[in-house]
Amino acid sequence: MYAIREQEAVTAYLKFLKNKQVTQENLAQRSLFLNTLCQALEDKRLDRNDYARALNIVIRKHPQAVHHYIKLAREFYPFWMHDIKAIAALSQSYDFHETLIEWTPAPTSLKALTSALATELFNDRESAALERYHHHLHGLNEDKAFILTKIKLAKIILLRMRSAPSIDASLYRITVDATLPLFRWKKSKQLFLYVVREFYYFWIVPLPAQQAHVATSDTPQVNTNFPKTSTRSSRPASLYLQA
């Protein structure tokens, strides 16, 4: 059994979920994850970095559930930290979906993805998003090599989302969670996340009306309900696209 600190956090989180009408079956599934996470958290400082290290230990043992576990960890974090304001904010915006999204990008490697960029063709919608993003970066007077790296990362996001059932914020986040572990270096991860935040707003916008008729017939419907987040980040000095 884990420490009293973790027990109290789990009790508060599960009570919160019950008040949100989460089913008993789903509570039981979450409890299994929390038991594993809290064992890794025992004797750790109340610190974001220690929390992330504990979560990584759990994820390495269950790579098939990476997105689901990250989602639960995000929810549980303010309870573990005893952050009352964050819990109150979560309560106001909380939306529980009984049917979890089961889609996830196919397993691959960063080497395979970067190799595919040389020959892969992008459809009209994908190309339009890339062009808008490139125009945005050019307007910021970014270094040409840096722009090229960012565009490559945006293309990787598009490749990973090819099999997604719809164009939706939750699927974009699933893609990010499944792709981030492919990057080995910390600066690579930082830059990828920076591009994720930047590129989202160009990716989610539908094709202009005059181009819509030439989009591929299987282009899914767009769901633009995505919470706005800041795109500010300290820009890494370089990117290491290594598997």
C-alpha atoms as a PDB file:
ATOM      1  CA  MET A   1       0.000   0.000   0.000  1.00  0.00           C
ATOM      2  CA  TYR A   2       1.219   3.497  -0.769  1.00  0.00           C
ATOM      3  CA  ALA A   3       1.666   6.451   1.605  1.00  0.00           C
ATOM      4  CA  ILE A   4      -1.089   8.375   3.375  1.00  0.00           C
ATOM      5  CA  ARG A   5      -0.445  11.428   1.150  1.00  0.00           C
ATOM      6  CA  GLU A   6      -1.251   9.415  -1.967  1.00  0.00           C
ATOM      7  CA  GLN A   7      -4.218   7.694  -0.294  1.00  0.00           C
ATOM      8  CA  GLU A   8      -5.787  11.052   0.504  1.00  0.00           C
ATOM      9  CA  ALA A   9      -5.233  12.292  -3.053  1.00  0.00           C
ATOM     10  CA  VAL A  10      -6.796   9.143  -4.556  1.00  0.00           C
ATOM     11  CA  THR A  11      -9.788   9.359  -2.204  1.00  0.00           C
ATOM     12  CA  ALA A  12     -10.394  13.004  -3.141  1.00  0.00           C
ATOM     13  CA  TYR A  13     -10.030  12.298  -6.875  1.00  0.00           C
ATOM     14  CA  LEU A  14     -12.403   9.325  -6.840  1.00  0.00           C
ATOM     15  CA  LYS A  15     -14.954  11.330  -4.838  1.00  0.00           C
ATOM     16  CA  PHE A  16     -14.669  14.093  -7.433  1.00  0.00           C
ATOM     17  CA  LEU A  17     -15.329  11.574 -10.225  1.00  0.00           C
ATOM     18  CA  LYS A  18     -18.343  10.100  -8.440  1.00  0.00           C
ATOM     19  CA  ASN A  19     -19.832  13.574  -8.180  1.00  0.00           C
ATOM     20  CA  LYS A  20     -19.329  13.876 -11.946  1.00  0.00           C
ATOM     21  CA  GLN A  21     -21.409  10.707 -12.479  1.00  0.00           C
ATOM     22  CA  VAL A  22     -18.496   8.552 -13.596  1.00  0.00           C
ATOM     23  CA  THR A  23     -19.590   4.919 -13.562  1.00  0.00           C
ATOM     24  CA  GLN A  24     -18.389   2.358 -11.045  1.00  0.00           C
ATOM     25  CA  GLU A  25     -16.742   0.297 -13.790  1.00  0.00           C
ATOM     26  CA  ASN A  26     -14.748   3.294 -14.983  1.00  0.00           C
ATOM     27  CA  LEU A  27     -13.799   4.186 -11.412  1.00  0.00           C
ATOM     28  CA  ALA A  28     -12.436   0.676 -10.957  1.00  0.00           C
ATOM     29  CA  GLN A  29     -10.327   0.996 -14.118  1.00  0.00           C
ATOM     30  CA  ARG A  30      -8.926   4.320 -12.964  1.00  0.00           C
ATOM     31  CA  SER A  31      -8.182   2.920  -9.518  1.00  0.00           C
ATOM     32  CA  LEU A  32      -5.934   0.258 -11.046  1.00  0.00           C
ATOM     33  CA  PHE A  33      -3.893   2.936 -12.780  1.00  0.00           C
ATOM     34  CA  LEU A  34      -3.770   5.114  -9.660  1.00  0.00           C
ATOM     35  CA  ASN A  35      -2.504   2.211  -7.558  1.00  0.00           C
ATOM     36  CA  THR A  36       0.415   1.751  -9.935  1.00  0.00           C
ATOM     37  CA  LEU A  37       1.135   5.472 -10.227  1.00  0.00           C
ATOM     38  CA  CYS A  38       0.978   6.085  -6.478  1.00  0.00           C
ATOM     39  CA  GLN A  39       3.452   3.297  -5.801  1.00  0.00           C
ATOM     40  CA  ALA A  40       5.870   5.121  -8.100  1.00  0.00           C
ATOM     41  CA  LEU A  41       5.077   8.432  -6.377  1.00  0.00           C
ATOM     42  CA  GLU A  42       5.765   7.207  -2.860  1.00  0.00           C
ATOM     43  CA  ASP A  43       8.513   9.212  -1.112  1.00  0.00           C
ATOM     44  CA  LYS A  44       8.657  11.655  -4.047  1.00  0.00           C
ATOM     45  CA  ARG A  45       8.608  15.413  -3.534  1.00  0.00           C
ATOM     46  CA  LEU A  46       5.456  17.355  -4.414  1.00  0.00           C
ATOM     47  CA  ASP A  47       7.105  18.426  -7.625  1.00  0.00           C
ATOM     48  CA  ARG A  48       6.069  18.394 -11.294  1.00  0.00           C
ATOM     49  CA  ASN A  49       9.357  16.827 -12.407  1.00  0.00           C
ATOM     50  CA  ASP A  50       9.146  13.988  -9.877  1.00  0.00           C
ATOM     51  CA  TYR A  51       5.536  13.413 -10.926  1.00  0.00           C
ATOM     52  CA  ALA A  52       6.585  13.176 -14.576  1.00  0.00           C
ATOM     53  CA  ARG A  53       9.358  10.707 -13.718  1.00  0.00           C
ATOM     54  CA  ALA A  54       6.924   8.495 -11.825  1.00  0.00           C
ATOM     55  CA  LEU A  55       4.468   8.607 -14.724  1.00  0.00           C
ATOM     56  CA  ASN A  56       7.220   7.647 -17.176  1.00  0.00           C
ATOM     57  CA  ILE A  57       7.961   4.566 -15.079  1.00  0.00           C
ATOM     58  CA  VAL A  58       4.322   3.496 -15.356  1.00  0.00           C
ATOM     59  CA  ILE A  59       4.086   4.264 -19.077  1.00  0.00           C
ATOM     60  CA  ARG A  60       7.198   2.216 -19.898  1.00  0.00           C
ATOM     61  CA  LYS A  61       5.453  -0.813 -18.410  1.00  0.00           C
ATOM     62  CA  HIS A  62       2.208  -0.159 -20.324  1.00  0.00           C
ATOM     63  CA  PRO A  63       3.123   1.527 -23.661  1.00  0.00           C
ATOM     64  CA  GLN A  64      -0.177   0.507 -25.269  1.00  0.00           C
ATOM     65  CA  ALA A  65      -2.092   2.732 -22.846  1.00  0.00           C
ATOM     66  CA  VAL A  66       0.130   5.800 -23.056  1.00  0.00           C
ATOM     67  CA  HIS A  67      -2.536   8.336 -24.055  1.00  0.00           C
ATOM     68  CA  HIS A  68      -5.125   7.078 -21.596  1.00  0.00           C
ATOM     69  CA  TYR A  69      -2.629   7.091 -18.732  1.00  0.00           C
ATOM     70  CA  ILE A  70      -1.382  10.581 -19.570  1.00  0.00           C
ATOM     71  CA  LYS A  71      -4.975  11.844 -19.596  1.00  0.00           C
ATOM     72  CA  LEU A  72      -5.670  10.344 -16.170  1.00  0.00           C
ATOM     73  CA  ALA A  73      -2.372  11.649 -14.818  1.00  0.00           C
ATOM     74  CA  ARG A  74      -3.268  15.186 -15.925  1.00  0.00           C
ATOM     75  CA  GLU A  75      -6.548  14.944 -14.021  1.00  0.00           C
ATOM     76  CA  PHE A  76      -5.004  13.423 -10.892  1.00  0.00           C
ATOM     77  CA  TYR A  77      -2.075  15.845 -10.665  1.00  0.00           C
ATOM     78  CA  PRO A  78      -3.878  18.755  -8.891  1.00  0.00           C
ATOM     79  CA  PHE A  79      -5.288  16.325  -6.313  1.00  0.00           C
ATOM     80  CA  TRP A  80      -1.812  14.988  -5.584  1.00  0.00           C
ATOM     81  CA  MET A  81      -0.505  18.559  -5.332  1.00  0.00           C
ATOM     82  CA  HIS A  82      -3.491  19.657  -3.164  1.00  0.00           C
ATOM     83  CA  ASP A  83      -4.010  22.522  -5.613  1.00  0.00           C
ATOM     84  CA  ILE A  84      -7.512  23.693  -4.669  1.00  0.00           C
ATOM     85  CA  LYS A  85      -7.689  26.370  -7.373  1.00  0.00           C
ATOM     86  CA  ALA A  86      -6.720  23.912 -10.102  1.00  0.00           C
ATOM     87  CA  ILE A  87      -9.274  21.384  -8.832  1.00  0.00           C
ATOM     88  CA  ALA A  88     -11.984  24.059  -8.873  1.00  0.00           C
ATOM     89  CA  ALA A  89     -11.060  24.978 -12.456  1.00  0.00           C
ATOM     90  CA  LEU A  90     -11.141  21.316 -13.458  1.00  0.00           C
ATOM     91  CA  SER A  91     -14.566  20.919 -11.888  1.00  0.00           C
ATOM     92  CA  GLN A  92     -15.988  23.792 -13.925  1.00  0.00           C
ATOM     93  CA  SER A  93     -14.751  22.467 -17.257  1.00  0.00           C
ATOM     94  CA  TYR A  94     -14.895  18.718 -16.625  1.00  0.00           C
ATOM     95  CA  ASP A  95     -16.607  16.687 -19.331  1.00  0.00           C
ATOM     96  CA  PHE A  96     -16.630  12.932 -18.852  1.00  0.00           C
ATOM     97  CA  HIS A  97     -17.073  10.707 -21.907  1.00  0.00           C
ATOM     98  CA  GLU A  98     -18.026   7.150 -21.039  1.00  0.00           C
ATOM     99  CA  THR A  99     -16.888   5.847 -24.411  1.00  0.00           C
ATOM    100  CA  LEU A 100     -13.142   6.349 -24.535  1.00  0.00           C
ATOM    101  CA  ILE A 101     -11.539   6.991 -27.903  1.00  0.00           C
ATOM    102  CA  GLU A 102      -9.760   3.786 -28.849  1.00  0.00           C
ATOM    103  CA  TRP A 103      -7.916   5.097 -31.927  1.00  0.00           C
ATOM    104  CA  THR A 104      -4.189   5.613 -31.714  1.00  0.00           C
ATOM    105  CA  PRO A 105      -1.555   6.133 -34.430  1.00  0.00           C
ATOM    106  CA  ALA A 106       0.133   3.004 -35.711  1.00  0.00           C
ATOM    107  CA  PRO A 107       3.449   2.073 -34.060  1.00  0.00           C
ATOM    108  CA  THR A 108       6.460   3.465 -35.906  1.00  0.00           C
ATOM    109  CA  SER A 109       9.850   5.071 -35.370  1.00  0.00           C
ATOM    110  CA  LEU A 110      11.156   8.578 -35.886  1.00  0.00           C
ATOM    111  CA  LYS A 111      13.577   7.222 -38.484  1.00  0.00           C
ATOM    112  CA  ALA A 112      10.709   5.722 -40.504  1.00  0.00           C
ATOM    113  CA  LEU A 113       8.703   8.936 -40.313  1.00  0.00           C
ATOM    114  CA  THR A 114      11.560  11.185 -41.420  1.00  0.00           C
ATOM    115  CA  SER A 115      12.366   8.816 -44.284  1.00  0.00           C
ATOM    116  CA  ALA A 116       8.735   8.915 -45.435  1.00  0.00           C
ATOM    117  CA  LEU A 117       8.805  12.712 -45.698  1.00  0.00           C
ATOM    118  CA  ALA A 118      11.000  12.494 -48.799  1.00  0.00           C
ATOM    119  CA  THR A 119       8.349  10.691 -50.869  1.00  0.00           C
ATOM    120  CA  GLU A 120       5.027  11.300 -49.122  1.00  0.00           C
ATOM    121  CA  LEU A 121       2.369  13.358 -50.925  1.00  0.00           C
ATOM    122  CA  PHE A 122      -0.069  15.509 -48.955  1.00  0.00           C
ATOM    123  CA  ASN A 123      -3.696  16.100 -49.853  1.00  0.00           C
ATOM    124  CA  ASP A 124      -5.261  19.529 -50.394  1.00  0.00           C
ATOM    125  CA  ARG A 125      -6.291  20.061 -46.805  1.00  0.00           C
ATOM    126  CA  GLU A 126      -2.899  19.027 -45.431  1.00  0.00           C
ATOM    127  CA  SER A 127      -1.053  21.155 -47.979  1.00  0.00           C
ATOM    128  CA  ALA A 128      -3.206  24.192 -47.166  1.00  0.00           C
ATOM    129  CA  ALA A 129      -2.410  23.844 -43.447  1.00  0.00           C
ATOM    130  CA  LEU A 130       1.317  23.541 -44.191  1.00  0.00           C
ATOM    131  CA  GLU A 131       1.267  26.563 -46.502  1.00  0.00           C
ATOM    132  CA  ARG A 132      -0.501  28.720 -43.902  1.00  0.00           C
ATOM    133  CA  TYR A 133       1.954  27.614 -41.229  1.00  0.00           C
ATOM    134  CA  HIS A 134       4.948  28.283 -43.492  1.00  0.00           C
ATOM    135  CA  HIS A 135       3.612  31.752 -44.304  1.00  0.00           C
ATOM    136  CA  HIS A 136       3.218  32.448 -40.566  1.00  0.00           C
ATOM    137  CA  LEU A 137       6.796  31.382 -39.819  1.00  0.00           C
ATOM    138  CA  HIS A 138       8.164  33.381 -42.733  1.00  0.00           C
ATOM    139  CA  GLY A 139       6.389  36.448 -41.365  1.00  0.00           C
ATOM    140  CA  LEU A 140       8.208  35.981 -38.063  1.00  0.00           C
ATOM    141  CA  ASN A 141      11.553  36.187 -39.897  1.00  0.00           C
ATOM    142  CA  GLU A 142      12.570  32.770 -38.611  1.00  0.00           C
ATOM    143  CA  ASP A 143      15.851  31.292 -39.784  1.00  0.00           C
ATOM    144  CA  LYS A 144      15.274  29.290 -42.987  1.00  0.00           C
ATOM    145  CA  ALA A 145      16.798  26.116 -41.559  1.00  0.00           C
ATOM    146  CA  PHE A 146      14.662  26.473 -38.441  1.00  0.00           C
ATOM    147  CA  ILE A 147      11.526  26.950 -40.555  1.00  0.00           C
ATOM    148  CA  LEU A 148      12.395  23.802 -42.517  1.00  0.00           C
ATOM    149  CA  THR A 149      12.754  21.826 -39.280  1.00  0.00           C
ATOM    150  CA  LYS A 150       9.404  23.091 -37.990  1.00  0.00           C
ATOM    151  CA  ILE A 151       7.666  22.218 -41.262  1.00  0.00           C
ATOM    152  CA  LYS A 152       9.134  18.704 -41.094  1.00  0.00           C
ATOM    153  CA  LEU A 153       7.722  18.286 -37.597  1.00  0.00           C
ATOM    154  CA  ALA A 154       4.324  19.533 -38.760  1.00  0.00           C
ATOM    155  CA  LYS A 155       4.422  16.985 -41.593  1.00  0.00           C
ATOM    156  CA  ILE A 156       5.167  14.251 -39.062  1.00  0.00           C
ATOM    157  CA  ILE A 157       2.018  15.244 -37.169  1.00  0.00           C
ATOM    158  CA  LEU A 158       0.018  15.029 -40.399  1.00  0.00           C
ATOM    159  CA  LEU A 159       1.440  11.603 -41.259  1.00  0.00           C
ATOM    160  CA  ARG A 160       0.595  10.303 -37.796  1.00  0.00           C
ATOM    161  CA  MET A 161      -2.993  11.519 -38.132  1.00  0.00           C
ATOM    162  CA  ARG A 162      -3.639   9.981 -41.539  1.00  0.00           C
ATOM    163  CA  SER A 163      -5.726   7.140 -40.082  1.00  0.00           C
ATOM    164  CA  ALA A 164      -7.615   9.282 -37.532  1.00  0.00           C
ATOM    165  CA  PRO A 165     -11.414   8.853 -37.759  1.00  0.00           C
ATOM    166  CA  SER A 166     -12.016  12.627 -37.685  1.00  0.00           C
ATOM    167  CA  ILE A 167     -10.350  16.006 -37.455  1.00  0.00           C
ATOM    168  CA  ASP A 168     -10.743  16.605 -33.758  1.00  0.00           C
ATOM    169  CA  ALA A 169      -8.797  18.200 -30.907  1.00  0.00           C
ATOM    170  CA  SER A 170      -8.850  15.050 -28.776  1.00  0.00           C
ATOM    171  CA  LEU A 171      -7.362  13.003 -31.622  1.00  0.00           C
ATOM    172  CA  TYR A 172      -4.687  15.653 -32.137  1.00  0.00           C
ATOM    173  CA  ARG A 173      -3.735  15.288 -28.480  1.00  0.00           C
ATOM    174  CA  ILE A 174      -3.699  11.486 -28.768  1.00  0.00           C
ATOM    175  CA  THR A 175      -1.325  11.857 -31.715  1.00  0.00           C
ATOM    176  CA  VAL A 176       0.959  14.146 -29.734  1.00  0.00           C
ATOM    177  CA  ASP A 177       1.030  11.816 -26.721  1.00  0.00           C
ATOM    178  CA  ALA A 178       1.854   8.835 -28.944  1.00  0.00           C
ATOM    179  CA  THR A 179       4.528  10.667 -30.947  1.00  0.00           C
ATOM    180  CA  LEU A 180       6.441  12.524 -28.231  1.00  0.00           C
ATOM    181  CA  PRO A 181       8.167   9.360 -26.870  1.00  0.00           C
ATOM    182  CA  LEU A 182       9.752   8.820 -30.311  1.00  0.00           C
ATOM    183  CA  PHE A 183      12.077  11.770 -29.674  1.00  0.00           C
ATOM    184  CA  ARG A 184      15.163  10.884 -27.670  1.00  0.00           C
ATOM    185  CA  TRP A 185      16.580  14.288 -26.770  1.00  0.00           C
ATOM    186  CA  LYS A 186      15.018  16.825 -24.413  1.00  0.00           C
ATOM    187  CA  LYS A 187      15.473  19.733 -26.848  1.00  0.00           C
ATOM    188  CA  SER A 188      13.847  17.684 -29.594  1.00  0.00           C
ATOM    189  CA  LYS A 189      10.831  17.055 -27.375  1.00  0.00           C
ATOM    190  CA  GLN A 190      10.637  20.753 -26.481  1.00  0.00           C
ATOM    191  CA  LEU A 191      10.698  21.864 -30.099  1.00  0.00           C
ATOM    192  CA  PHE A 192       8.156  19.228 -31.127  1.00  0.00           C
ATOM    193  CA  LEU A 193       5.742  20.438 -28.417  1.00  0.00           C
ATOM    194  CA  TYR A 194       6.304  24.024 -29.503  1.00  0.00           C
ATOM    195  CA  VAL A 195       5.367  23.104 -33.084  1.00  0.00           C
ATOM    196  CA  VAL A 196       2.381  21.119 -31.805  1.00  0.00           C
ATOM    197  CA  ARG A 197       0.974  24.247 -30.166  1.00  0.00           C
ATOM    198  CA  GLU A 198       1.779  26.506 -33.131  1.00  0.00           C
ATOM    199  CA  PHE A 199       0.588  24.210 -35.899  1.00  0.00           C
ATOM    200  CA  TYR A 200      -2.713  23.237 -34.267  1.00  0.00           C
ATOM    201  CA  TYR A 201      -4.426  26.497 -35.202  1.00  0.00           C
ATOM    202  CA  PHE A 202      -3.451  26.119 -38.852  1.00  0.00           C
ATOM    203  CA  TRP A 203      -4.389  22.429 -38.930  1.00  0.00           C
ATOM    204  CA  ILE A 204      -7.860  22.783 -37.373  1.00  0.00           C
ATOM    205  CA  VAL A 205      -9.034  25.518 -39.771  1.00  0.00           C
ATOM    206  CA  PRO A 206     -11.111  24.060 -42.646  1.00  0.00           C
ATOM    207  CA  LEU A 207     -10.130  24.579 -46.269  1.00  0.00           C
ATOM    208  CA  PRO A 208     -11.179  27.950 -47.741  1.00  0.00           C
ATOM    209  CA  ALA A 209     -14.515  27.682 -49.547  1.00  0.00           C
ATOM    210  CA  GLN A 210     -12.948  28.057 -52.984  1.00  0.00           C
ATOM    211  CA  GLN A 211     -10.703  25.026 -52.284  1.00  0.00           C
ATOM    212  CA  ALA A 212     -13.192  22.829 -50.459  1.00  0.00           C
ATOM    213  CA  HIS A 213     -14.519  21.208 -53.616  1.00  0.00           C
ATOM    214  CA  VAL A 214     -11.114  19.751 -54.489  1.00  0.00           C
ATOM    215  CA  ALA A 215     -10.461  18.204 -51.064  1.00  0.00           C
ATOM    216  CA  THR A 216     -10.292  14.433 -50.907  1.00  0.00           C
ATOM    217  CA  SER A 217     -13.678  12.751 -50.661  1.00  0.00           C
ATOM    218  CA  ASP A 218     -12.829  10.985 -47.413  1.00  0.00           C
ATOM    219  CA  THR A 219     -11.835  14.173 -45.559  1.00  0.00           C
ATOM    220  CA  PRO A 220     -13.509  13.858 -42.134  1.00  0.00           C
ATOM    221  CA  GLN A 221     -15.681  16.491 -40.470  1.00  0.00           C
ATOM    222  CA  VAL A 222     -13.966  19.184 -38.430  1.00  0.00           C
ATOM    223  CA  ASN A 223     -14.561  19.683 -34.727  1.00  0.00           C
ATOM    224  CA  THR A 224     -13.130  23.056 -33.705  1.00  0.00           C
ATOM    225  CA  ASN A 225     -13.964  22.793 -30.003  1.00  0.00           C
ATOM    226  CA  PHE A 226     -10.439  22.971 -28.646  1.00  0.00           C
ATOM    227  CA  PRO A 227      -9.446  24.897 -25.529  1.00  0.00           C
ATOM    228  CA  LYS A 228      -7.100  27.740 -26.429  1.00  0.00           C
ATOM    229  CA  THR A 229      -3.624  27.396 -24.980  1.00  0.00           C
ATOM    230  CA  SER A 230      -0.621  29.645 -25.020  1.00  0.00           C
ATOM    231  CA  THR A 231       2.011  29.034 -27.697  1.00  0.00           C
ATOM    232  CA  ARG A 232       4.779  30.701 -25.774  1.00  0.00           C
ATOM    233  CA  SER A 233       7.851  28.608 -25.197  1.00  0.00           C
ATOM    234  CA  SER A 234      11.577  29.041 -24.928  1.00  0.00           C
ATOM    235  CA  ARG A 235      12.918  28.125 -28.363  1.00  0.00           C
ATOM    236  CA  PRO A 236      15.443  25.295 -28.267  1.00  0.00           C
ATOM    237  CA  ALA A 237      18.769  25.957 -29.934  1.00  0.00           C
ATOM    238  CA  SER A 238      18.642  22.873 -32.149  1.00  0.00           C
ATOM    239  CA  LEU A 239      16.715  19.745 -33.022  1.00  0.00           C
ATOM    240  CA  TYR A 240      18.042  16.192 -33.076  1.00  0.00           C
ATOM    241  CA  LEU A 241      15.785  14.036 -35.273  1.00  0.00           C
ATOM    242  CA  GLN A 242      17.233  10.752 -34.083  1.00  0.00           C
ATOM    243  CA  ALA A 243      15.345   7.574 -33.294  1.00  0.00           C
END
